[in-house]
Amino acid sequence: MARRASEEEQVLAEQTPVEEQSQETQSQETESCTGATEPDEVEVELFKDNGRYKDDVVVGVNGKLYVIKRGVRVKVPRAVKEILDHSREQDTQTALMMDSLENHYQEETRKYNV
């Protein structure tokens, strides 16, 4: 057990510099996913309800974390908006694929009278 505790302490010690480093780099310009510097910001407002979409959204770009409050219009770097747009697009594609697979499964069960 003593060995496991020392391994956990080592992991925590390794994580601390990363957190300090991310706080130091907060004031620097934001880089887009392509690497180009983009000082401009855009406004976003994320959907909020009392169910699944009530928690804040955390987006990471090049080692920087952004916590975005739902239901509030906020300004974020363009790279963060790009990530949110890609995430929304991926969610849509996933829902379409799940519907397609569900329909296929229902057809197969009818075909075999299961």
PDB file of N, CA and C in Angstrom:
ATOM      1  N   MET A   1       0.811  -1.186   0.000  1.00  0.00           N
ATOM      2  CA  MET A   1       0.000   0.000   0.000  1.00  0.00           C
ATOM      3  C   MET A   1       0.862   1.261   0.000  1.00  0.00           C
ATOM      4  N   ALA A   2       2.003   1.239   0.666  1.00  0.00           N
ATOM      5  CA  ALA A   2       2.856   2.419   0.729  1.00  0.00           C
ATOM      6  C   ALA A   2       3.351   2.793  -0.662  1.00  0.00           C
ATOM      7  N   ARG A   3       3.590   1.796  -1.484  1.00  0.00           N
ATOM      8  CA  ARG A   3       4.068   2.076  -2.828  1.00  0.00           C
ATOM      9  C   ARG A   3       2.994   2.776  -3.643  1.00  0.00           C
ATOM     10  N   ARG A   4       1.750   2.348  -3.512  1.00  0.00           N
ATOM     11  CA  ARG A   4       0.655   2.964  -4.258  1.00  0.00           C
ATOM     12  C   ARG A   4       0.476   4.425  -3.855  1.00  0.00           C
ATOM     13  N   ALA A   5       0.594   4.731  -2.576  1.00  0.00           N
ATOM     14  CA  ALA A   5       0.459   6.109  -2.108  1.00  0.00           C
ATOM     15  C   ALA A   5       1.555   6.975  -2.709  1.00  0.00           C
ATOM     16  N   SER A   6       2.782   6.454  -2.783  1.00  0.00           N
ATOM     17  CA  SER A   6       3.867   7.260  -3.344  1.00  0.00           C
ATOM     18  C   SER A   6       3.659   7.477  -4.844  1.00  0.00           C
ATOM     19  N   GLU A   7       3.073   6.506  -5.534  1.00  0.00           N
ATOM     20  CA  GLU A   7       2.775   6.680  -6.953  1.00  0.00           C
ATOM     21  C   GLU A   7       1.735   7.775  -7.152  1.00  0.00           C
ATOM     22  N   GLU A   8       0.699   7.800  -6.287  1.00  0.00           N
ATOM     23  CA  GLU A   8      -0.318   8.840  -6.372  1.00  0.00           C
ATOM     24  C   GLU A   8       0.278  10.214  -6.086  1.00  0.00           C
ATOM     25  N   GLU A   9       1.189  10.310  -5.108  1.00  0.00           N
ATOM     26  CA  GLU A   9       1.839  11.581  -4.810  1.00  0.00           C
ATOM     27  C   GLU A   9       2.665  12.043  -5.995  1.00  0.00           C
ATOM     28  N   GLN A  10       3.326  11.102  -6.675  1.00  0.00           N
ATOM     29  CA  GLN A  10       4.138  11.449  -7.827  1.00  0.00           C
ATOM     30  C   GLN A  10       3.248  11.989  -8.955  1.00  0.00           C
ATOM     31  N   VAL A  11       2.104  11.375  -9.182  1.00  0.00           N
ATOM     32  CA  VAL A  11       1.184  11.839 -10.211  1.00  0.00           C
ATOM     33  C   VAL A  11       0.701  13.238  -9.880  1.00  0.00           C
ATOM     34  N   LEU A  12       0.334  13.487  -8.613  1.00  0.00           N
ATOM     35  CA  LEU A  12      -0.109  14.819  -8.210  1.00  0.00           C
ATOM     36  C   LEU A  12       1.003  15.838  -8.370  1.00  0.00           C
ATOM     37  N   ALA A  13       2.230  15.450  -8.057  1.00  0.00           N
ATOM     38  CA  ALA A  13       3.358  16.358  -8.206  1.00  0.00           C
ATOM     39  C   ALA A  13       3.601  16.691  -9.669  1.00  0.00           C
ATOM     40  N   GLU A  14       3.386  15.722 -10.557  1.00  0.00           N
ATOM     41  CA  GLU A  14       3.571  15.961 -11.988  1.00  0.00           C
ATOM     42  C   GLU A  14       2.482  16.864 -12.537  1.00  0.00           C
ATOM     43  N   GLN A  15       1.278  16.831 -11.982  1.00  0.00           N
ATOM     44  CA  GLN A  15       0.177  17.631 -12.490  1.00  0.00           C
ATOM     45  C   GLN A  15       0.272  19.089 -12.051  1.00  0.00           C
ATOM     46  N   THR A  16       0.877  19.368 -10.944  1.00  0.00           N
ATOM     47  CA  THR A  16       0.927  20.721 -10.415  1.00  0.00           C
ATOM     48  C   THR A  16       1.610  21.704 -11.360  1.00  0.00           C
ATOM     49  N   PRO A  17       2.778  21.403 -11.939  1.00  0.00           N
ATOM     50  CA  PRO A  17       3.399  22.364 -12.843  1.00  0.00           C
ATOM     51  C   PRO A  17       2.518  22.679 -14.059  1.00  0.00           C
ATOM     52  N   VAL A  18       1.774  21.712 -14.551  1.00  0.00           N
ATOM     53  CA  VAL A  18       0.910  21.934 -15.701  1.00  0.00           C
ATOM     54  C   VAL A  18      -0.166  22.955 -15.351  1.00  0.00           C
ATOM     55  N   GLU A  19      -0.770  22.841 -14.165  1.00  0.00           N
ATOM     56  CA  GLU A  19      -1.784  23.791 -13.736  1.00  0.00           C
ATOM     57  C   GLU A  19      -1.183  25.184 -13.584  1.00  0.00           C
ATOM     58  N   GLU A  20       0.005  25.286 -12.996  1.00  0.00           N
ATOM     59  CA  GLU A  20       0.651  26.582 -12.834  1.00  0.00           C
ATOM     60  C   GLU A  20       0.998  27.170 -14.183  1.00  0.00           C
ATOM     61  N   GLN A  21       1.461  26.332 -15.098  1.00  0.00           N
ATOM     62  CA  GLN A  21       1.832  26.792 -16.425  1.00  0.00           C
ATOM     63  C   GLN A  21       0.615  27.328 -17.161  1.00  0.00           C
ATOM     64  N   SER A  22      -0.542  26.661 -17.062  1.00  0.00           N
ATOM     65  CA  SER A  22      -1.734  27.125 -17.763  1.00  0.00           C
ATOM     66  C   SER A  22      -2.204  28.459 -17.203  1.00  0.00           C
ATOM     67  N   GLN A  23      -2.025  28.711 -15.898  1.00  0.00           N
ATOM     68  CA  GLN A  23      -2.408  29.989 -15.323  1.00  0.00           C
ATOM     69  C   GLN A  23      -1.487  31.093 -15.806  1.00  0.00           C
ATOM     70  N   GLU A  24      -0.202  30.805 -15.994  1.00  0.00           N
ATOM     71  CA  GLU A  24       0.748  31.797 -16.465  1.00  0.00           C
ATOM     72  C   GLU A  24       0.481  32.194 -17.910  1.00  0.00           C
ATOM     73  N   THR A  25       0.000  31.262 -18.715  1.00  0.00           N
ATOM     74  CA  THR A  25      -0.201  31.534 -20.133  1.00  0.00           C
ATOM     75  C   THR A  25      -1.572  32.105 -20.443  1.00  0.00           C
ATOM     76  N   GLN A  26      -2.403  32.357 -19.438  1.00  0.00           N
ATOM     77  CA  GLN A  26      -3.739  32.887 -19.672  1.00  0.00           C
ATOM     78  C   GLN A  26      -3.694  34.231 -20.372  1.00  0.00           C
ATOM     79  N   SER A  27      -2.686  35.063 -20.109  1.00  0.00           N
ATOM     80  CA  SER A  27      -2.650  36.406 -20.657  1.00  0.00           C
ATOM     81  C   SER A  27      -2.106  36.443 -22.080  1.00  0.00           C
ATOM     82  N   GLN A  28      -1.558  35.369 -22.592  1.00  0.00           N
ATOM     83  CA  GLN A  28      -1.009  35.352 -23.938  1.00  0.00           C
ATOM     84  C   GLN A  28      -2.126  35.286 -24.966  1.00  0.00           C
ATOM     85  N   GLU A  29      -1.768  35.616 -26.237  1.00  0.00           N
ATOM     86  CA  GLU A  29      -2.751  35.543 -27.313  1.00  0.00           C
ATOM     87  C   GLU A  29      -3.191  34.102 -27.534  1.00  0.00           C
ATOM     88  N   THR A  30      -4.418  33.933 -27.969  1.00  0.00           N
ATOM     89  CA  THR A  30      -4.950  32.607 -28.242  1.00  0.00           C
ATOM     90  C   THR A  30      -4.557  32.187 -29.642  1.00  0.00           C
ATOM     91  N   GLU A  31      -4.173  30.940 -29.787  1.00  0.00           N
ATOM     92  CA  GLU A  31      -3.871  30.403 -31.093  1.00  0.00           C
ATOM     93  C   GLU A  31      -5.020  29.528 -31.540  1.00  0.00           C
ATOM     94  N   SER A  32      -5.328  29.568 -32.838  1.00  0.00           N
ATOM     95  CA  SER A  32      -6.386  28.710 -33.354  1.00  0.00           C
ATOM     96  C   SER A  32      -5.857  27.293 -33.465  1.00  0.00           C
ATOM     97  N   CYS A  33      -6.731  26.381 -33.841  1.00  0.00           N
ATOM     98  CA  CYS A  33      -6.339  24.984 -33.992  1.00  0.00           C
ATOM     99  C   CYS A  33      -5.296  24.823 -35.087  1.00  0.00           C
ATOM    100  N   THR A  34      -5.262  25.772 -36.034  1.00  0.00           N
ATOM    101  CA  THR A  34      -4.296  25.686 -37.124  1.00  0.00           C
ATOM    102  C   THR A  34      -2.962  26.287 -36.746  1.00  0.00           C
ATOM    103  N   GLY A  35      -2.880  26.981 -35.605  1.00  0.00           N
ATOM    104  CA  GLY A  35      -1.624  27.549 -35.153  1.00  0.00           C
ATOM    105  C   GLY A  35      -1.515  29.043 -35.411  1.00  0.00           C
ATOM    106  N   ALA A  36      -2.427  29.628 -36.176  1.00  0.00           N
ATOM    107  CA  ALA A  36      -2.374  31.062 -36.445  1.00  0.00           C
ATOM    108  C   ALA A  36      -2.891  31.822 -35.233  1.00  0.00           C
ATOM    109  N   THR A  37      -2.240  32.944 -34.930  1.00  0.00           N
ATOM    110  CA  THR A  37      -2.702  33.722 -33.784  1.00  0.00           C
ATOM    111  C   THR A  37      -3.942  34.509 -34.171  1.00  0.00           C
ATOM    112  N   GLU A  38      -4.936  34.479 -33.278  1.00  0.00           N
ATOM    113  CA  GLU A  38      -6.198  35.165 -33.516  1.00  0.00           C
ATOM    114  C   GLU A  38      -6.584  35.927 -32.256  1.00  0.00           C
ATOM    115  N   PRO A  39      -6.315  37.216 -32.217  1.00  0.00           N
ATOM    116  CA  PRO A  39      -6.680  37.966 -31.025  1.00  0.00           C
ATOM    117  C   PRO A  39      -8.177  38.265 -30.941  1.00  0.00           C
ATOM    118  N   ASP A  40      -8.906  38.077 -32.045  1.00  0.00           N
ATOM    119  CA  ASP A  40     -10.329  38.418 -32.043  1.00  0.00           C
ATOM    120  C   ASP A  40     -11.163  37.386 -31.310  1.00  0.00           C
ATOM    121  N   GLU A  41     -12.264  37.869 -30.765  1.00  0.00           N
ATOM    122  CA  GLU A  41     -13.177  37.006 -30.030  1.00  0.00           C
ATOM    123  C   GLU A  41     -14.555  37.088 -30.653  1.00  0.00           C
ATOM    124  N   VAL A  42     -15.342  36.049 -30.448  1.00  0.00           N
ATOM    125  CA  VAL A  42     -16.702  35.999 -30.955  1.00  0.00           C
ATOM    126  C   VAL A  42     -17.639  35.681 -29.798  1.00  0.00           C
ATOM    127  N   GLU A  43     -18.908  36.064 -29.953  1.00  0.00           N
ATOM    128  CA  GLU A  43     -19.892  35.801 -28.908  1.00  0.00           C
ATOM    129  C   GLU A  43     -20.566  34.458 -29.147  1.00  0.00           C
ATOM    130  N   VAL A  44     -20.784  33.733 -28.069  1.00  0.00           N
ATOM    131  CA  VAL A  44     -21.524  32.477 -28.127  1.00  0.00           C
ATOM    132  C   VAL A  44     -22.485  32.438 -26.947  1.00  0.00           C
ATOM    133  N   GLU A  45     -23.562  31.697 -27.134  1.00  0.00           N
ATOM    134  CA  GLU A  45     -24.497  31.440 -26.049  1.00  0.00           C
ATOM    135  C   GLU A  45     -24.918  29.985 -26.159  1.00  0.00           C
ATOM    136  N   LEU A  46     -24.640  29.226 -25.132  1.00  0.00           N
ATOM    137  CA  LEU A  46     -24.945  27.807 -25.142  1.00  0.00           C
ATOM    138  C   LEU A  46     -26.321  27.549 -24.540  1.00  0.00           C
ATOM    139  N   PHE A  47     -27.019  26.594 -25.114  1.00  0.00           N
ATOM    140  CA  PHE A  47     -28.359  26.223 -24.674  1.00  0.00           C
ATOM    141  C   PHE A  47     -28.326  25.760 -23.216  1.00  0.00           C
ATOM    142  N   LYS A  48     -29.351  26.142 -22.459  1.00  0.00           N
ATOM    143  CA  LYS A  48     -29.446  25.729 -21.059  1.00  0.00           C
ATOM    144  C   LYS A  48     -30.862  25.273 -20.747  1.00  0.00           C
ATOM    145  N   ASP A  49     -30.970  24.181 -20.005  1.00  0.00           N
ATOM    146  CA  ASP A  49     -32.247  23.729 -19.468  1.00  0.00           C
ATOM    147  C   ASP A  49     -31.996  23.201 -18.061  1.00  0.00           C
ATOM    148  N   ASN A  50     -32.990  22.626 -17.449  1.00  0.00           N
ATOM    149  CA  ASN A  50     -32.811  22.110 -16.087  1.00  0.00           C
ATOM    150  C   ASN A  50     -32.485  20.629 -16.065  1.00  0.00           C
ATOM    151  N   GLY A  51     -32.244  20.063 -17.213  1.00  0.00           N
ATOM    152  CA  GLY A  51     -31.954  18.638 -17.298  1.00  0.00           C
ATOM    153  C   GLY A  51     -30.507  18.383 -17.673  1.00  0.00           C
ATOM    154  N   ARG A  52     -30.332  17.839 -18.859  1.00  0.00           N
ATOM    155  CA  ARG A  52     -29.015  17.412 -19.312  1.00  0.00           C
ATOM    156  C   ARG A  52     -28.081  18.593 -19.599  1.00  0.00           C
ATOM    157  N   TYR A  53     -28.636  19.715 -20.010  1.00  0.00           N
ATOM    158  CA  TYR A  53     -27.823  20.853 -20.433  1.00  0.00           C
ATOM    159  C   TYR A  53     -27.857  21.977 -19.402  1.00  0.00           C
ATOM    160  N   LYS A  54     -27.420  21.675 -18.185  1.00  0.00           N
ATOM    161  CA  LYS A  54     -27.432  22.695 -17.142  1.00  0.00           C
ATOM    162  C   LYS A  54     -26.035  23.047 -16.639  1.00  0.00           C
ATOM    163  N   ASP A  55     -25.068  22.170 -16.843  1.00  0.00           N
ATOM    164  CA  ASP A  55     -23.717  22.398 -16.332  1.00  0.00           C
ATOM    165  C   ASP A  55     -22.901  23.255 -17.289  1.00  0.00           C
ATOM    166  N   ASP A  56     -21.859  23.880 -16.743  1.00  0.00           N
ATOM    167  CA  ASP A  56     -20.938  24.656 -17.560  1.00  0.00           C
ATOM    168  C   ASP A  56     -20.207  23.732 -18.526  1.00  0.00           C
ATOM    169  N   VAL A  57     -19.718  24.297 -19.632  1.00  0.00           N
ATOM    170  CA  VAL A  57     -18.983  23.530 -20.633  1.00  0.00           C
ATOM    171  C   VAL A  57     -17.513  23.920 -20.543  1.00  0.00           C
ATOM    172  N   VAL A  58     -16.633  22.930 -20.522  1.00  0.00           N
ATOM    173  CA  VAL A  58     -15.197  23.170 -20.473  1.00  0.00           C
ATOM    174  C   VAL A  58     -14.620  22.833 -21.839  1.00  0.00           C
ATOM    175  N   VAL A  59     -13.886  23.793 -22.418  1.00  0.00           N
ATOM    176  CA  VAL A  59     -13.268  23.603 -23.725  1.00  0.00           C
ATOM    177  C   VAL A  59     -11.777  23.846 -23.562  1.00  0.00           C
ATOM    178  N   GLY A  60     -10.976  22.939 -24.093  1.00  0.00           N
ATOM    179  CA  GLY A  60      -9.532  23.089 -24.038  1.00  0.00           C
ATOM    180  C   GLY A  60      -8.952  23.359 -25.406  1.00  0.00           C
ATOM    181  N   VAL A  61      -8.103  24.397 -25.498  1.00  0.00           N
ATOM    182  CA  VAL A  61      -7.438  24.746 -26.750  1.00  0.00           C
ATOM    183  C   VAL A  61      -5.967  24.975 -26.459  1.00  0.00           C
ATOM    184  N   ASN A  62      -5.122  24.165 -27.037  1.00  0.00           N
ATOM    185  CA  ASN A  62      -3.669  24.325 -26.900  1.00  0.00           C
ATOM    186  C   ASN A  62      -3.221  24.468 -25.443  1.00  0.00           C
ATOM    187  N   GLY A  63      -3.773  23.638 -24.582  1.00  0.00           N
ATOM    188  CA  GLY A  63      -3.373  23.630 -23.191  1.00  0.00           C
ATOM    189  C   GLY A  63      -4.089  24.640 -22.309  1.00  0.00           C
ATOM    190  N   LYS A  64      -4.947  25.461 -22.885  1.00  0.00           N
ATOM    191  CA  LYS A  64      -5.710  26.432 -22.100  1.00  0.00           C
ATOM    192  C   LYS A  64      -7.131  25.933 -21.958  1.00  0.00           C
ATOM    193  N   LEU A  65      -7.702  26.079 -20.769  1.00  0.00           N
ATOM    194  CA  LEU A  65      -9.065  25.652 -20.515  1.00  0.00           C
ATOM    195  C   LEU A  65      -9.977  26.867 -20.405  1.00  0.00           C
ATOM    196  N   TYR A  66     -11.151  26.756 -21.025  1.00  0.00           N
ATOM    197  CA  TYR A  66     -12.157  27.810 -20.969  1.00  0.00           C
ATOM    198  C   TYR A  66     -13.424  27.195 -20.395  1.00  0.00           C
ATOM    199  N   VAL A  67     -13.973  27.805 -19.355  1.00  0.00           N
ATOM    200  CA  VAL A  67     -15.216  27.352 -18.750  1.00  0.00           C
ATOM    201  C   VAL A  67     -16.302  28.307 -19.225  1.00  0.00           C
ATOM    202  N   ILE A  68     -17.292  27.758 -19.937  1.00  0.00           N
ATOM    203  CA  ILE A  68     -18.339  28.568 -20.538  1.00  0.00           C
ATOM    204  C   ILE A  68     -19.640  28.283 -19.823  1.00  0.00           C
ATOM    205  N   LYS A  69     -20.247  29.330 -19.298  1.00  0.00           N
ATOM    206  CA  LYS A  69     -21.510  29.217 -18.572  1.00  0.00           C
ATOM    207  C   LYS A  69     -22.646  29.122 -19.578  1.00  0.00           C
ATOM    208  N   ARG A  70     -23.542  28.163 -19.370  1.00  0.00           N
ATOM    209  CA  ARG A  70     -24.692  27.997 -20.265  1.00  0.00           C
ATOM    210  C   ARG A  70     -25.735  29.074 -19.998  1.00  0.00           C
ATOM    211  N   GLY A  71     -26.426  29.483 -21.073  1.00  0.00           N
ATOM    212  CA  GLY A  71     -27.505  30.445 -20.954  1.00  0.00           C
ATOM    213  C   GLY A  71     -27.053  31.886 -20.848  1.00  0.00           C
ATOM    214  N   VAL A  72     -25.755  32.136 -20.949  1.00  0.00           N
ATOM    215  CA  VAL A  72     -25.206  33.486 -20.857  1.00  0.00           C
ATOM    216  C   VAL A  72     -24.391  33.748 -22.116  1.00  0.00           C
ATOM    217  N   ARG A  73     -24.609  34.919 -22.736  1.00  0.00           N
ATOM    218  CA  ARG A  73     -23.829  35.280 -23.927  1.00  0.00           C
ATOM    219  C   ARG A  73     -22.453  35.732 -23.453  1.00  0.00           C
ATOM    220  N   VAL A  74     -21.401  35.040 -23.943  1.00  0.00           N
ATOM    221  CA  VAL A  74     -20.027  35.344 -23.548  1.00  0.00           C
ATOM    222  C   VAL A  74     -19.150  35.471 -24.787  1.00  0.00           C
ATOM    223  N   LYS A  75     -18.026  36.168 -24.626  1.00  0.00           N
ATOM    224  CA  LYS A  75     -17.053  36.291 -25.704  1.00  0.00           C
ATOM    225  C   LYS A  75     -15.949  35.261 -25.467  1.00  0.00           C
ATOM    226  N   VAL A  76     -15.632  34.508 -26.523  1.00  0.00           N
ATOM    227  CA  VAL A  76     -14.583  33.494 -26.456  1.00  0.00           C
ATOM    228  C   VAL A  76     -13.712  33.622 -27.700  1.00  0.00           C
ATOM    229  N   PRO A  77     -12.486  33.125 -27.652  1.00  0.00           N
ATOM    230  CA  PRO A  77     -11.653  33.119 -28.852  1.00  0.00           C
ATOM    231  C   PRO A  77     -12.312  32.305 -29.971  1.00  0.00           C
ATOM    232  N   ARG A  78     -12.009  32.679 -31.196  1.00  0.00           N
ATOM    233  CA  ARG A  78     -12.606  32.016 -32.355  1.00  0.00           C
ATOM    234  C   ARG A  78     -12.330  30.507 -32.351  1.00  0.00           C
ATOM    235  N   ALA A  79     -11.174  30.082 -31.860  1.00  0.00           N
ATOM    236  CA  ALA A  79     -10.843  28.655 -31.820  1.00  0.00           C
ATOM    237  C   ALA A  79     -11.788  27.886 -30.907  1.00  0.00           C
ATOM    238  N   VAL A  80     -12.216  28.508 -29.806  1.00  0.00           N
ATOM    239  CA  VAL A  80     -13.154  27.863 -28.882  1.00  0.00           C
ATOM    240  C   VAL A  80     -14.504  27.681 -29.565  1.00  0.00           C
ATOM    241  N   LYS A  81     -14.956  28.716 -30.285  1.00  0.00           N
ATOM    242  CA  LYS A  81     -16.226  28.616 -31.010  1.00  0.00           C
ATOM    243  C   LYS A  81     -16.144  27.522 -32.070  1.00  0.00           C
ATOM    244  N   GLU A  82     -15.004  27.423 -32.730  1.00  0.00           N
ATOM    245  CA  GLU A  82     -14.813  26.385 -33.744  1.00  0.00           C
ATOM    246  C   GLU A  82     -14.946  24.994 -33.123  1.00  0.00           C
ATOM    247  N   ILE A  83     -14.377  24.800 -31.952  1.00  0.00           N
ATOM    248  CA  ILE A  83     -14.475  23.510 -31.264  1.00  0.00           C
ATOM    249  C   ILE A  83     -15.916  23.225 -30.869  1.00  0.00           C
ATOM    250  N   LEU A  84     -16.626  24.225 -30.362  1.00  0.00           N
ATOM    251  CA  LEU A  84     -18.035  24.045 -29.999  1.00  0.00           C
ATOM    252  C   LEU A  84     -18.877  23.691 -31.228  1.00  0.00           C
ATOM    253  N   ASP A  85     -18.597  24.352 -32.361  1.00  0.00           N
ATOM    254  CA  ASP A  85     -19.335  24.051 -33.593  1.00  0.00           C
ATOM    255  C   ASP A  85     -19.078  22.619 -34.059  1.00  0.00           C
ATOM    256  N   HIS A  86     -17.812  22.196 -34.003  1.00  0.00           N
ATOM    257  CA  HIS A  86     -17.480  20.820 -34.401  1.00  0.00           C
ATOM    258  C   HIS A  86     -18.143  19.810 -33.468  1.00  0.00           C
ATOM    259  N   SER A  87     -18.197  20.118 -32.185  1.00  0.00           N
ATOM    260  CA  SER A  87     -18.832  19.222 -31.225  1.00  0.00           C
ATOM    261  C   SER A  87     -20.321  19.081 -31.515  1.00  0.00           C
ATOM    262  N   ARG A  88     -20.970  20.205 -31.791  1.00  0.00           N
ATOM    263  CA  ARG A  88     -22.404  20.175 -32.099  1.00  0.00           C
ATOM    264  C   ARG A  88     -22.664  19.382 -33.381  1.00  0.00           C
ATOM    265  N   GLU A  89     -21.799  19.580 -34.381  1.00  0.00           N
ATOM    266  CA  GLU A  89     -21.928  18.838 -35.637  1.00  0.00           C
ATOM    267  C   GLU A  89     -21.748  17.339 -35.418  1.00  0.00           C
ATOM    268  N   GLN A  90     -20.787  16.972 -34.586  1.00  0.00           N
ATOM    269  CA  GLN A  90     -20.541  15.563 -34.294  1.00  0.00           C
ATOM    270  C   GLN A  90     -21.714  14.943 -33.548  1.00  0.00           C
ATOM    271  N   ASP A  91     -22.311  15.699 -32.609  1.00  0.00           N
ATOM    272  CA  ASP A  91     -23.485  15.207 -31.890  1.00  0.00           C
ATOM    273  C   ASP A  91     -24.642  14.933 -32.853  1.00  0.00           C
ATOM    274  N   THR A  92     -24.824  15.829 -33.823  1.00  0.00           N
ATOM    275  CA  THR A  92     -25.879  15.646 -34.818  1.00  0.00           C
ATOM    276  C   THR A  92     -25.629  14.403 -35.650  1.00  0.00           C
ATOM    277  N   GLN A  93     -24.400  14.220 -36.113  1.00  0.00           N
ATOM    278  CA  GLN A  93     -24.058  13.044 -36.915  1.00  0.00           C
ATOM    279  C   GLN A  93     -24.233  11.757 -36.117  1.00  0.00           C
ATOM    280  N   THR A  94     -23.881  11.787 -34.848  1.00  0.00           N
ATOM    281  CA  THR A  94     -24.037  10.609 -33.989  1.00  0.00           C
ATOM    282  C   THR A  94     -25.509  10.252 -33.819  1.00  0.00           C
ATOM    283  N   ALA A  95     -26.352  11.268 -33.608  1.00  0.00           N
ATOM    284  CA  ALA A  95     -27.792  11.015 -33.453  1.00  0.00           C
ATOM    285  C   ALA A  95     -28.376  10.420 -34.728  1.00  0.00           C
ATOM    286  N   LEU A  96     -27.963  10.928 -35.881  1.00  0.00           N
ATOM    287  CA  LEU A  96     -28.446  10.387 -37.156  1.00  0.00           C
ATOM    288  C   LEU A  96     -28.005   8.936 -37.344  1.00  0.00           C
ATOM    289  N   MET A  97     -26.761   8.637 -36.992  1.00  0.00           N
ATOM    290  CA  MET A  97     -26.264   7.271 -37.119  1.00  0.00           C
ATOM    291  C   MET A  97     -27.001   6.326 -36.177  1.00  0.00           C
ATOM    292  N   MET A  98     -27.281   6.777 -34.945  1.00  0.00           N
ATOM    293  CA  MET A  98     -28.003   5.933 -33.998  1.00  0.00           C
ATOM    294  C   MET A  98     -29.422   5.648 -34.485  1.00  0.00           C
ATOM    295  N   ASP A  99     -30.082   6.649 -35.056  1.00  0.00           N
ATOM    296  CA  ASP A  99     -31.424   6.441 -35.617  1.00  0.00           C
ATOM    297  C   ASP A  99     -31.377   5.436 -36.756  1.00  0.00           C
ATOM    298  N   SER A 100     -30.378   5.563 -37.610  1.00  0.00           N
ATOM    299  CA  SER A 100     -30.237   4.646 -38.735  1.00  0.00           C
ATOM    300  C   SER A 100     -30.020   3.210 -38.255  1.00  0.00           C
ATOM    301  N   LEU A 101     -29.142   3.036 -37.281  1.00  0.00           N
ATOM    302  CA  LEU A 101     -28.878   1.694 -36.755  1.00  0.00           C
ATOM    303  C   LEU A 101     -30.098   1.121 -36.033  1.00  0.00           C
ATOM    304  N   GLU A 102     -30.833   1.969 -35.338  1.00  0.00           N
ATOM    305  CA  GLU A 102     -32.041   1.509 -34.658  1.00  0.00           C
ATOM    306  C   GLU A 102     -33.083   1.041 -35.671  1.00  0.00           C
ATOM    307  N   ASN A 103     -33.258   1.799 -36.750  1.00  0.00           N
ATOM    308  CA  ASN A 103     -34.197   1.397 -37.811  1.00  0.00           C
ATOM    309  C   ASN A 103     -33.772   0.089 -38.462  1.00  0.00           C
ATOM    310  N   HIS A 104     -32.468  -0.043 -38.697  1.00  0.00           N
ATOM    311  CA  HIS A 104     -31.950  -1.279 -39.288  1.00  0.00           C
ATOM    312  C   HIS A 104     -32.212  -2.472 -38.361  1.00  0.00           C
ATOM    313  N   TYR A 105     -31.994  -2.281 -37.073  1.00  0.00           N
ATOM    314  CA  TYR A 105     -32.222  -3.345 -36.095  1.00  0.00           C
ATOM    315  C   TYR A 105     -33.697  -3.743 -36.066  1.00  0.00           C
ATOM    316  N   GLN A 106     -34.586  -2.752 -36.091  1.00  0.00           N
ATOM    317  CA  GLN A 106     -36.019  -3.050 -36.084  1.00  0.00           C
ATOM    318  C   GLN A 106     -36.433  -3.808 -37.338  1.00  0.00           C
ATOM    319  N   GLU A 107     -35.857  -3.451 -38.484  1.00  0.00           N
ATOM    320  CA  GLU A 107     -36.164  -4.172 -39.726  1.00  0.00           C
ATOM    321  C   GLU A 107     -35.690  -5.621 -39.642  1.00  0.00           C
ATOM    322  N   GLU A 108     -34.504  -5.815 -39.076  1.00  0.00           N
ATOM    323  CA  GLU A 108     -33.958  -7.165 -38.943  1.00  0.00           C
ATOM    324  C   GLU A 108     -34.799  -8.017 -37.993  1.00  0.00           C
ATOM    325  N   THR A 109     -35.273  -7.409 -36.899  1.00  0.00           N
ATOM    326  CA  THR A 109     -36.090  -8.191 -35.966  1.00  0.00           C
ATOM    327  C   THR A 109     -37.427  -8.574 -36.600  1.00  0.00           C
ATOM    328  N   ARG A 110     -38.003  -7.680 -37.398  1.00  0.00           N
ATOM    329  CA  ARG A 110     -39.244  -8.021 -38.100  1.00  0.00           C
ATOM    330  C   ARG A 110     -38.996  -9.120 -39.150  1.00  0.00           C
ATOM    331  N   LYS A 111     -37.850  -9.052 -39.777  1.00  0.00           N
ATOM    332  CA  LYS A 111     -37.492 -10.016 -40.816  1.00  0.00           C
ATOM    333  C   LYS A 111     -37.403 -11.432 -40.235  1.00  0.00           C
ATOM    334  N   TYR A 112     -36.888 -11.558 -39.025  1.00  0.00           N
ATOM    335  CA  TYR A 112     -36.722 -12.868 -38.411  1.00  0.00           C
ATOM    336  C   TYR A 112     -37.813 -13.189 -37.385  1.00  0.00           C
ATOM    337  N   ASN A 113     -38.826 -12.336 -37.301  1.00  0.00           N
ATOM    338  CA  ASN A 113     -39.960 -12.538 -36.374  1.00  0.00           C
ATOM    339  C   ASN A 113     -39.486 -12.738 -34.936  1.00  0.00           C
ATOM    340  N   VAL A 114     -38.611 -11.893 -34.503  1.00  0.00           N
ATOM    341  CA  VAL A 114     -38.082 -11.994 -33.137  1.00  0.00           C
ATOM    342  C   VAL A 114     -38.818 -11.072 -32.216  1.00  0.00           C
TER     343      VAL A 114
END
